[in-house]
Amino acid sequence: MKIKKRILAITYNRSEYDLLSYVYKFLTEDKHIDFQLLVAGAHLSSVFNNTIDHIKKDGHNILGEIECLIDGSSNKSRLISASLFLSNSISIISKFDPNILIYAGDREEVLMGSILGGFLEIPTVHFFAGDHDNDGTIDNPIRHATSKMSSFLFTSIQEHYDRLINLGENPARIFNIGSPALDKFKLEKHNKISNILELKKEFDMNNYAIVIFHPLFSKETKSLKDFEILMKVLFENKISCIINTPNIDAGSRNLINSFEKFKKVDFFKFVNNLSRNEFVNIYRQAKFQIGNSSSGILEASSIPIPVVNVGDRMIGRKSQKNVLFCKANKSEIISAIKKVITKKFYYDNVKNIKNIYGNGDSSKKAYTILKNLDVKNYTDFRKEDPLSKYI
């Protein structure tokens, strides 16, 4: 009997889980792979709607659940949470002894994953390596440090691939597959939004924006002010909106608390970590997206819809013509909204756009690579000299 390949993925929050959801689906369905998820962080928090339930509904095997999310509004809380995750996952991972350990993105848990893989002698795969923005947060160093410590690297576009080469990484360990996050727009079933959310009758179903706004590391106070300015603009201009819960970074609690000021507004609908299908169909039917989420940069052009990116977050990230950046003040936000909802902007910048990050087949590519990945000499990357010329 053929010995199953053991693959373990770390998942800490809903947004990151959905990025690789179809990769996980293909791995789970393969009878020759023992695929497990180590679930931690926001997935186990009622504040973020206990999204572990979505994982269970997807039918994945859960190796362990690590409650480590500190409910605080400081960056210290984020660091303490990471340390708790690290210390409480060592025995679980060591006992399972995976052939491959997977993690994705630029948050602290991926850095913890690379440390765990390194010290437990487990080959590691870092998804979404090589990305970069100019907002000055800790995310860039976390992402690049994680890549330096990882055995294999999966990138979304050529620019990310080239950046890893410039960091001294060997192209033999880099796989440029596109973004698996986009596959859901191709593979998720189409459903009418009215059947999903049971929105109020007075809600303008044909003319709403989707709002996704996150706090910016070390600028949490300013992020709250920027969000409230944005919400006031939307309120004063009576723009129907579906507002999504922010991520778990420091300052997110303050943003969530500020929702209360607008909860009674008839044309605002607040949602908290919807199922993948619900979120995708909300996205598909939105007139535009506004906020500062990476989904606007990476995913919106797969629908396609226009995007207004407000403030400093996401500046410098590779974007396309459907994204309009503006400062977090009333006049610029109003001007940007008026511009992106015009027919001219749609026909010039949105209608025929092709997403540079992928076309909906990246998850299958990733699954095939993981299934056949030769990890026998995975530690060779530790010998690589960044001064070596790989191109």
Protein backbone atom coordinates (compact mmCIF):
# COMPACT_ATOMS: atom_id res chain seq x y z
CA MET A 1 0.00 0.00 0.00
CA LYS A 2 1.32 3.40 -1.02
CA ILE A 3 2.23 5.62 1.92
CA LYS A 4 0.21 8.83 1.90
CA LYS A 5 1.97 12.17 1.63
CA ARG A 6 1.16 14.20 4.76
CA ILE A 7 0.47 17.88 4.11
CA LEU A 8 -0.40 20.38 6.82
CA ALA A 9 -1.64 23.95 6.34
CA ILE A 10 -1.74 26.69 8.95
CA THR A 11 -4.85 28.88 8.88
CA TYR A 12 -5.35 31.81 11.23
CA ASN A 13 -8.18 33.92 9.81
CA ARG A 14 -10.99 33.86 7.27
CA SER A 15 -9.41 36.05 4.60
CA GLU A 16 -6.25 33.96 4.40
CA TYR A 17 -8.24 30.70 4.49
CA ASP A 18 -10.26 31.74 1.47
CA LEU A 19 -7.13 32.62 -0.48
CA LEU A 20 -6.22 28.91 -0.59
CA SER A 21 -9.66 27.38 -0.18
CA TYR A 22 -9.63 25.60 -3.51
CA VAL A 23 -6.06 24.37 -3.04
CA TYR A 24 -7.29 22.82 0.20
CA LYS A 25 -10.30 21.36 -1.58
CA PHE A 26 -8.14 19.53 -4.15
CA LEU A 27 -5.77 18.26 -1.44
CA THR A 28 -8.66 16.99 0.70
CA GLU A 29 -10.21 15.16 -2.23
CA ASP A 30 -6.96 13.34 -3.09
CA LYS A 31 -7.06 9.88 -1.47
CA HIS A 32 -3.28 9.60 -1.70
CA ILE A 33 -2.74 12.67 0.48
CA ASP A 34 -3.37 13.00 4.20
CA PHE A 35 -4.25 16.68 4.28
CA GLN A 36 -4.88 18.41 7.61
CA LEU A 37 -5.46 21.96 8.81
CA LEU A 38 -4.06 23.52 11.95
CA VAL A 39 -6.74 26.07 12.90
CA ALA A 40 -5.96 29.02 15.16
CA GLY A 41 -6.46 32.72 15.84
CA ALA A 42 -9.58 34.49 14.61
CA HIS A 43 -11.18 31.25 13.38
CA LEU A 44 -11.96 30.40 17.01
CA SER A 45 -13.22 33.83 18.04
CA SER A 46 -16.91 34.72 18.39
CA VAL A 47 -16.00 38.33 17.57
CA PHE A 48 -15.06 37.14 14.08
CA ASN A 49 -18.04 34.78 13.79
CA ASN A 50 -16.32 31.47 14.68
CA THR A 51 -15.22 30.84 11.11
CA ILE A 52 -13.92 27.40 12.02
CA ASP A 53 -17.53 26.39 11.29
CA HIS A 54 -16.95 27.27 7.63
CA ILE A 55 -13.85 25.05 7.60
CA LYS A 56 -15.81 22.15 9.03
CA LYS A 57 -18.58 22.71 6.50
CA ASP A 58 -15.99 22.52 3.71
CA GLY A 59 -15.19 19.01 4.94
CA HIS A 60 -11.52 19.40 5.82
CA ASN A 61 -9.69 17.37 8.46
CA ILE A 62 -8.65 19.53 11.41
CA LEU A 63 -5.46 18.38 13.10
CA GLY A 64 -5.78 20.79 16.01
CA GLU A 65 -7.39 23.97 17.27
CA ILE A 66 -5.19 26.56 18.97
CA GLU A 67 -6.94 29.34 20.87
CA CYS A 68 -4.31 32.04 20.93
CA LEU A 69 -6.00 35.29 19.85
CA ILE A 70 -5.60 37.95 22.51
CA ASP A 71 -8.54 40.34 22.51
CA GLY A 72 -6.68 43.62 22.57
CA SER A 73 -6.18 46.74 20.49
CA SER A 74 -2.39 47.00 20.69
CA ASN A 75 0.43 45.53 18.65
CA LYS A 76 1.57 43.81 21.85
CA SER A 77 -1.57 41.70 21.67
CA ARG A 78 -0.67 40.63 18.16
CA LEU A 79 2.81 39.62 19.27
CA ILE A 80 1.56 37.73 22.34
CA SER A 81 -0.95 35.88 20.15
CA ALA A 82 1.85 34.84 17.79
CA SER A 83 3.97 33.55 20.67
CA LEU A 84 1.04 31.54 22.03
CA PHE A 85 0.44 30.02 18.62
CA LEU A 86 4.11 29.07 18.30
CA SER A 87 4.42 27.47 21.72
CA ASN A 88 1.13 25.58 21.50
CA SER A 89 1.60 24.19 17.99
CA ILE A 90 5.05 22.60 18.38
CA SER A 91 3.89 19.27 19.82
CA ILE A 92 0.87 19.01 17.51
CA ILE A 93 2.94 19.54 14.36
CA SER A 94 5.81 17.39 15.56
CA LYS A 95 3.49 14.47 16.26
CA PHE A 96 1.83 14.67 12.82
CA ASP A 97 5.28 15.01 11.20
CA PRO A 98 4.08 16.43 7.85
CA ASN A 99 6.04 16.03 4.63
CA ILE A 100 5.05 19.60 3.72
CA LEU A 101 3.92 22.57 5.82
CA ILE A 102 1.92 25.32 4.04
CA TYR A 103 1.22 28.92 5.01
CA ALA A 104 0.16 32.04 3.10
CA GLY A 105 0.69 35.77 3.15
CA ASP A 106 2.42 38.31 5.35
CA ARG A 107 1.09 38.04 8.86
CA GLU A 108 2.91 36.87 11.96
CA GLU A 109 1.62 33.29 11.78
CA VAL A 110 3.50 32.68 8.52
CA LEU A 111 6.73 33.72 10.20
CA MET A 112 5.91 31.33 13.03
CA GLY A 113 5.24 28.66 10.40
CA SER A 114 8.65 29.13 8.84
CA ILE A 115 10.29 28.88 12.26
CA LEU A 116 8.36 25.70 13.05
CA GLY A 117 9.30 24.14 9.73
CA GLY A 118 12.93 25.10 10.12
CA PHE A 119 13.43 23.72 13.61
CA LEU A 120 11.20 20.67 13.21
CA GLU A 121 12.94 19.73 9.92
CA ILE A 122 9.81 20.02 7.79
CA PRO A 123 9.83 21.26 4.15
CA THR A 124 7.80 24.45 3.94
CA VAL A 125 5.84 26.25 1.22
CA HIS A 126 5.16 29.99 1.36
CA PHE A 127 2.22 31.13 -0.80
CA PHE A 128 1.99 34.74 -2.04
CA ALA A 129 5.71 35.27 -1.62
CA GLY A 130 7.42 38.27 -3.18
CA ASP A 131 4.50 40.70 -2.92
CA HIS A 132 5.25 44.21 -1.66
CA ASP A 133 3.62 47.55 -0.88
CA ASN A 134 4.78 50.95 0.33
CA ASP A 135 2.57 51.60 3.35
CA GLY A 136 5.49 51.12 5.75
CA THR A 137 3.97 48.41 7.92
CA ILE A 138 5.63 45.32 9.39
CA ASP A 139 4.00 43.15 6.71
CA ASN A 140 6.75 43.55 4.11
CA PRO A 141 9.58 42.41 6.41
CA ILE A 142 7.44 39.52 7.68
CA ARG A 143 6.67 38.34 4.16
CA HIS A 144 10.26 38.59 2.92
CA ALA A 145 11.77 37.11 6.08
CA THR A 146 9.35 34.20 5.83
CA SER A 147 10.36 33.60 2.22
CA LYS A 148 14.04 33.54 3.18
CA MET A 149 13.26 30.83 5.72
CA SER A 150 10.97 28.74 3.49
CA SER A 151 11.89 25.76 1.33
CA PHE A 152 9.62 26.55 -1.64
CA LEU A 153 7.93 29.75 -2.79
CA PHE A 154 4.71 30.25 -4.75
CA THR A 155 4.18 33.62 -6.46
CA SER A 156 1.22 35.29 -8.17
CA ILE A 157 2.86 37.45 -10.86
CA GLN A 158 6.23 37.88 -12.55
CA GLU A 159 7.03 40.98 -10.50
CA HIS A 160 6.84 38.94 -7.28
CA TYR A 161 8.99 36.22 -8.84
CA ASP A 162 11.60 38.79 -9.88
CA ARG A 163 11.61 40.35 -6.43
CA LEU A 164 12.48 36.99 -4.86
CA ILE A 165 15.33 36.58 -7.34
CA ASN A 166 16.63 39.99 -6.27
CA LEU A 167 16.44 38.79 -2.67
CA GLY A 168 18.81 35.98 -3.63
CA GLU A 169 16.30 33.13 -3.91
CA ASN A 170 16.97 30.27 -6.32
CA PRO A 171 14.42 30.11 -9.20
CA ALA A 172 14.48 26.31 -8.92
CA ARG A 173 12.46 26.72 -5.71
CA ILE A 174 10.02 29.35 -7.01
CA PHE A 175 6.74 28.53 -8.76
CA ASN A 176 4.88 31.39 -10.46
CA ILE A 177 1.34 30.01 -10.56
CA GLY A 178 -0.93 33.07 -10.37
CA SER A 179 -3.18 33.77 -7.41
CA PRO A 180 -5.34 30.89 -6.09
CA ALA A 181 -7.52 33.54 -4.45
CA LEU A 182 -9.13 34.27 -7.82
CA ASP A 183 -10.39 30.77 -8.47
CA LYS A 184 -13.47 31.28 -6.33
CA PHE A 185 -14.84 33.81 -8.81
CA LYS A 186 -14.69 31.16 -11.50
CA LEU A 187 -15.80 28.16 -9.47
CA GLU A 188 -18.34 29.42 -6.93
CA LYS A 189 -21.99 29.07 -7.99
CA HIS A 190 -23.97 32.18 -8.87
CA ASN A 191 -26.75 33.01 -6.39
CA LYS A 192 -28.98 36.01 -6.00
CA ILE A 193 -27.85 38.22 -3.16
CA SER A 194 -31.43 38.74 -1.96
CA ASN A 195 -31.65 35.04 -1.16
CA ILE A 196 -28.42 35.21 0.78
CA LEU A 197 -28.72 38.14 3.13
CA GLU A 198 -32.50 38.73 3.23
CA LEU A 199 -31.79 42.44 2.99
CA LYS A 200 -34.41 45.04 3.78
CA LYS A 201 -36.83 45.82 0.96
CA GLU A 202 -35.71 49.43 0.85
CA PHE A 203 -32.10 48.43 0.25
CA ASP A 204 -31.09 49.41 -3.29
CA MET A 205 -30.04 46.02 -4.64
CA ASN A 206 -28.90 47.43 -7.97
CA ASN A 207 -26.70 50.18 -6.65
CA TYR A 208 -24.60 49.28 -3.64
CA ALA A 209 -20.93 49.43 -2.71
CA ILE A 210 -19.01 46.83 -0.77
CA VAL A 211 -16.89 48.39 1.99
CA ILE A 212 -13.79 46.58 3.26
CA PHE A 213 -11.55 48.67 5.51
CA HIS A 214 -8.72 47.47 7.76
CA PRO A 215 -6.55 49.21 10.35
CA LEU A 216 -3.01 50.11 9.34
CA PHE A 217 -0.18 48.82 11.55
CA SER A 218 1.20 51.52 13.93
CA LYS A 219 -1.41 53.99 12.59
CA GLU A 220 -4.48 52.60 14.30
CA THR A 221 -5.80 55.97 15.53
CA LYS A 222 -5.52 57.52 12.09
CA SER A 223 -7.13 54.42 10.55
CA LEU A 224 -10.17 54.88 12.78
CA LYS A 225 -10.46 58.55 11.79
CA ASP A 226 -10.06 57.65 8.10
CA PHE A 227 -12.77 55.00 8.37
CA GLU A 228 -15.21 57.35 10.05
CA ILE A 229 -14.58 59.99 7.38
CA LEU A 230 -15.30 57.36 4.73
CA MET A 231 -18.50 56.26 6.46
CA LYS A 232 -19.71 59.85 6.82
CA VAL A 233 -19.18 60.40 3.09
CA LEU A 234 -21.18 57.27 2.29
CA PHE A 235 -23.92 58.31 4.73
CA GLU A 236 -24.17 61.92 3.58
CA ASN A 237 -24.36 60.83 -0.05
CA LYS A 238 -26.88 58.07 0.77
CA ILE A 239 -24.83 55.34 -0.88
CA SER A 240 -26.17 51.87 -0.13
CA CYS A 241 -23.35 49.75 1.34
CA ILE A 242 -22.51 46.31 2.61
CA ILE A 243 -19.77 46.77 5.21
CA ASN A 244 -17.52 43.84 6.05
CA THR A 245 -15.80 43.21 9.40
CA PRO A 246 -12.10 44.23 9.40
CA ASN A 247 -9.17 41.88 9.90
CA ILE A 248 -7.71 40.95 13.29
CA ASP A 249 -4.87 43.48 13.42
CA ALA A 250 -4.44 45.96 16.24
CA GLY A 251 -7.13 48.61 15.93
CA SER A 252 -9.76 46.30 14.46
CA ARG A 253 -11.80 46.34 17.68
CA ASN A 254 -12.05 50.14 17.48
CA LEU A 255 -13.29 49.91 13.90
CA ILE A 256 -15.89 47.31 14.87
CA ASN A 257 -17.04 49.48 17.78
CA SER A 258 -17.46 52.43 15.42
CA PHE A 259 -20.01 50.37 13.45
CA GLU A 260 -22.51 51.17 16.21
CA LYS A 261 -22.70 54.80 15.07
CA PHE A 262 -24.13 53.68 11.75
CA LYS A 263 -26.06 50.51 12.63
CA LYS A 264 -29.46 52.24 12.36
CA VAL A 265 -28.82 53.57 8.86
CA ASP A 266 -31.36 51.88 6.58
CA PHE A 267 -29.06 51.72 3.57
CA PHE A 268 -26.10 50.21 5.46
CA LYS A 269 -25.81 46.46 6.02
CA PHE A 270 -23.02 45.17 8.31
CA VAL A 271 -21.78 41.60 7.80
CA ASN A 272 -19.30 39.46 9.68
CA ASN A 273 -17.23 36.83 7.85
CA LEU A 274 -19.83 35.43 5.49
CA SER A 275 -19.47 32.08 3.79
CA ARG A 276 -17.31 32.05 0.67
CA ASN A 277 -20.29 31.72 -1.66
CA GLU A 278 -22.18 34.54 0.04
CA PHE A 279 -19.20 36.87 -0.10
CA VAL A 280 -18.38 36.06 -3.74
CA ASN A 281 -21.96 36.76 -4.83
CA ILE A 282 -22.08 40.02 -2.89
CA TYR A 283 -18.86 40.97 -4.63
CA ARG A 284 -20.15 39.98 -8.08
CA GLN A 285 -23.21 42.19 -7.78
CA ALA A 286 -21.61 45.26 -6.20
CA LYS A 287 -21.43 48.47 -8.21
CA PHE A 288 -17.99 49.21 -6.78
CA GLN A 289 -15.71 48.41 -3.85
CA ILE A 290 -14.34 51.05 -1.50
CA GLY A 291 -11.90 50.83 1.44
CA ASN A 292 -8.30 49.68 1.67
CA SER A 293 -8.42 45.91 1.24
CA SER A 294 -6.02 43.82 -0.83
CA SER A 295 -9.08 42.19 -2.40
CA GLY A 296 -9.64 45.45 -4.29
CA ILE A 297 -6.13 45.25 -5.71
CA LEU A 298 -5.98 41.52 -6.37
CA GLU A 299 -9.52 40.28 -6.91
CA ALA A 300 -11.91 43.02 -8.08
CA SER A 301 -10.67 42.91 -11.68
CA SER A 302 -11.76 39.26 -11.90
CA ILE A 303 -15.43 40.30 -11.69
CA PRO A 304 -14.75 43.09 -12.84
CA ILE A 305 -15.81 46.12 -10.76
CA PRO A 306 -14.16 49.48 -10.04
CA VAL A 307 -12.36 50.12 -6.75
CA VAL A 308 -11.67 53.20 -4.64
CA ASN A 309 -8.68 52.66 -2.34
CA VAL A 310 -8.82 55.15 0.54
CA GLY A 311 -5.73 56.23 2.49
CA ASP A 312 -2.22 54.83 2.77
CA ARG A 313 -2.87 51.09 2.93
CA MET A 314 -2.08 49.22 -0.35
CA ILE A 315 -0.06 52.08 -1.82
CA GLY A 316 2.71 50.68 -4.03
CA ARG A 317 0.99 47.34 -4.57
CA LYS A 318 0.74 46.23 -8.20
CA SER A 319 -2.73 47.32 -9.32
CA GLN A 320 -4.70 47.83 -12.51
CA LYS A 321 -6.75 50.56 -14.17
CA ASN A 322 -9.92 49.67 -12.28
CA VAL A 323 -8.36 50.87 -8.99
CA LEU A 324 -8.40 54.56 -8.10
CA PHE A 325 -6.33 55.70 -5.11
CA CYS A 326 -7.37 58.70 -3.03
CA LYS A 327 -6.51 60.35 0.27
CA ALA A 328 -8.76 59.94 3.29
CA ASN A 329 -10.53 63.28 3.12
CA LYS A 330 -14.10 64.05 2.14
CA SER A 331 -13.42 65.92 -1.09
CA GLU A 332 -11.09 63.29 -2.54
CA ILE A 333 -13.33 60.37 -1.54
CA ILE A 334 -16.41 62.00 -3.06
CA SER A 335 -14.51 62.88 -6.22
CA ALA A 336 -13.18 59.31 -6.54
CA ILE A 337 -16.63 57.76 -6.05
CA LYS A 338 -18.22 60.06 -8.63
CA LYS A 339 -15.50 59.14 -11.10
CA VAL A 340 -15.56 55.33 -10.75
CA ILE A 341 -19.35 55.06 -11.10
CA THR A 342 -19.42 56.83 -14.46
CA LYS A 343 -19.99 54.91 -17.67
CA LYS A 344 -16.79 56.40 -19.08
CA PHE A 345 -14.66 55.00 -16.22
CA TYR A 346 -16.34 51.62 -16.58
CA TYR A 347 -15.81 51.35 -20.33
CA ASP A 348 -12.29 52.82 -20.26
CA ASN A 349 -10.93 51.05 -17.17
CA VAL A 350 -13.12 48.15 -16.10
CA LYS A 351 -15.23 46.36 -18.69
CA ASN A 352 -12.57 44.51 -20.70
CA ILE A 353 -9.89 44.26 -18.04
CA LYS A 354 -7.92 41.03 -17.59
CA ASN A 355 -6.67 40.22 -14.12
CA ILE A 356 -2.87 40.12 -14.14
CA TYR A 357 -2.95 37.91 -11.03
CA GLY A 358 -4.53 34.90 -12.72
CA ASN A 359 -7.45 33.43 -14.61
CA GLY A 360 -8.95 30.94 -12.15
CA ASP A 361 -6.75 27.87 -12.54
CA SER A 362 -3.99 28.61 -10.02
CA SER A 363 -5.34 26.28 -7.31
CA LYS A 364 -5.13 23.29 -9.63
CA LYS A 365 -1.57 24.25 -10.54
CA ALA A 366 -0.62 24.55 -6.89
CA TYR A 367 -2.23 21.22 -6.00
CA THR A 368 -0.40 19.43 -8.83
CA ILE A 369 2.95 20.89 -7.78
CA LEU A 370 2.40 20.01 -4.11
CA LYS A 371 1.33 16.49 -4.98
CA ASN A 372 4.50 15.84 -7.00
CA LEU A 373 6.95 18.06 -5.12
CA ASP A 374 10.29 16.36 -4.49
CA VAL A 375 11.34 17.44 -1.00
CA LYS A 376 14.26 15.04 -0.46
CA ASN A 377 16.91 17.75 -0.69
CA TYR A 378 14.81 20.60 0.65
CA THR A 379 17.49 21.73 3.11
CA ASP A 380 19.84 22.63 0.26
CA PHE A 381 18.32 26.11 0.17
CA ARG A 382 20.02 26.84 3.49
CA LYS A 383 23.38 26.66 1.72
CA GLU A 384 22.45 29.24 -0.89
CA ASP A 385 24.54 32.40 -0.94
CA PRO A 386 22.52 35.56 -1.68
CA LEU A 387 25.55 36.76 -3.66
CA SER A 388 25.03 33.94 -6.16
CA LYS A 389 23.71 34.95 -9.56
CA TYR A 390 20.66 32.91 -10.48
CA ILE A 391 19.72 34.98 -13.52
